[in-house]
Amino acid sequence: MAGRFQKSLARLLYKKNLEGSLSDSERELLKAIALDSLNIFAHYELAQTWHAMKRKKEAREQLKITLTIPDNDNQAAKIKHKAQEDLKHW
């Protein structure tokens, strides 16, 4: 549910649809991280994107970064839990 909300918010901010390629996703997530290095959602989604791109080492490193970001909202704990699970399986 939060993912849908965040995509809708991003569409409003970027004024475009976020459907696209993995490289589009990577580019936009790197921009988001450049704007806010503590954006836990962007770090986690970048890890997912890199994993889908078969860039496993980079994806794992991004998950590790995700786990170091301070909890700044109620979704952070959920994202960190998913990151921990992904690290076990990747």
Protein backbone atom coordinates (compact mmCIF):
# COMPACT_ATOMS: atom_id res chain seq x y z
CA MET A 1 0.00 0.00 0.00
CA ALA A 2 2.77 2.45 0.92
CA GLY A 3 4.51 1.69 -2.38
CA ARG A 4 1.44 2.79 -4.32
CA PHE A 5 1.22 5.99 -2.29
CA GLN A 6 4.91 6.75 -2.79
CA LYS A 7 4.65 6.17 -6.54
CA SER A 8 1.67 8.51 -6.69
CA LEU A 9 3.56 11.13 -4.73
CA ALA A 10 6.60 10.71 -6.98
CA ARG A 11 4.39 11.10 -10.06
CA LEU A 12 3.16 14.40 -8.68
CA LEU A 13 6.68 15.58 -7.86
CA TYR A 14 8.27 14.46 -11.12
CA LYS A 15 5.12 15.13 -13.18
CA LYS A 16 5.46 11.86 -15.07
CA ASN A 17 4.55 8.21 -14.91
CA LEU A 18 7.17 6.06 -13.22
CA GLU A 19 6.60 2.99 -15.37
CA GLY A 20 9.73 2.27 -17.33
CA SER A 21 12.90 0.31 -17.64
CA LEU A 22 15.24 -0.82 -14.90
CA SER A 23 17.75 1.77 -16.05
CA ASP A 24 15.06 4.45 -15.68
CA SER A 25 14.39 3.18 -12.18
CA GLU A 26 18.10 3.23 -11.35
CA ARG A 27 18.49 6.79 -12.62
CA GLU A 28 15.50 8.12 -10.67
CA LEU A 29 16.45 6.31 -7.46
CA LEU A 30 20.01 7.65 -7.63
CA LYS A 31 18.54 11.15 -8.03
CA ALA A 32 16.31 10.59 -5.01
CA ILE A 33 19.29 9.41 -2.94
CA ALA A 34 21.34 12.41 -4.07
CA LEU A 35 18.55 14.67 -2.80
CA ASP A 36 18.10 12.77 0.47
CA SER A 37 20.80 10.29 1.43
CA LEU A 38 18.62 9.02 4.30
CA ASN A 39 15.74 8.01 2.03
CA ILE A 40 15.47 4.40 3.14
CA PHE A 41 12.82 3.57 0.55
CA ALA A 42 15.06 4.79 -2.30
CA HIS A 43 18.03 2.78 -1.03
CA TYR A 44 15.94 -0.38 -0.70
CA GLU A 45 14.33 0.04 -4.12
CA LEU A 46 17.75 0.68 -5.68
CA ALA A 47 18.88 -2.64 -4.22
CA GLN A 48 15.81 -4.31 -5.75
CA THR A 49 16.52 -2.66 -9.10
CA TRP A 50 20.16 -3.72 -9.13
CA HIS A 51 19.17 -7.24 -8.13
CA ALA A 52 16.78 -7.39 -11.08
CA MET A 53 19.62 -6.12 -13.29
CA LYS A 54 21.78 -9.05 -12.07
CA ARG A 55 24.11 -6.63 -10.26
CA LYS A 56 24.08 -8.79 -7.14
CA LYS A 57 27.16 -7.38 -5.37
CA GLU A 58 25.92 -3.80 -5.71
CA ALA A 59 22.43 -4.86 -4.63
CA ARG A 60 23.77 -6.50 -1.46
CA GLU A 61 25.86 -3.42 -0.64
CA GLN A 62 22.78 -1.23 -1.05
CA LEU A 63 20.82 -3.48 1.32
CA LYS A 64 23.61 -3.09 3.88
CA ILE A 65 23.37 0.70 3.51
CA THR A 66 19.60 0.43 3.96
CA LEU A 67 20.13 -1.27 7.31
CA THR A 68 22.33 1.61 8.59
CA ILE A 69 19.78 4.36 7.96
CA PRO A 70 18.07 5.64 11.11
CA ASP A 71 14.37 4.86 11.50
CA ASN A 72 12.65 8.11 10.57
CA ASP A 73 9.11 6.86 10.06
CA ASN A 74 6.88 3.88 10.72
CA GLN A 75 7.81 2.19 7.43
CA ALA A 76 11.56 2.08 8.15
CA ALA A 77 11.35 -0.99 10.40
CA LYS A 78 9.35 -2.86 7.75
CA ILE A 79 11.82 -1.93 5.02
CA LYS A 80 14.76 -2.96 7.21
CA HIS A 81 13.11 -6.31 7.90
CA LYS A 82 12.68 -6.89 4.16
CA ALA A 83 16.31 -5.87 3.57
CA GLN A 84 17.50 -8.37 6.19
CA GLU A 85 15.44 -11.12 4.58
CA ASP A 86 16.78 -10.27 1.13
CA LEU A 87 20.37 -10.39 2.40
CA LYS A 88 19.76 -13.93 3.66
CA HIS A 89 18.52 -15.10 0.25
CA TRP A 90 20.74 -13.16 -2.16
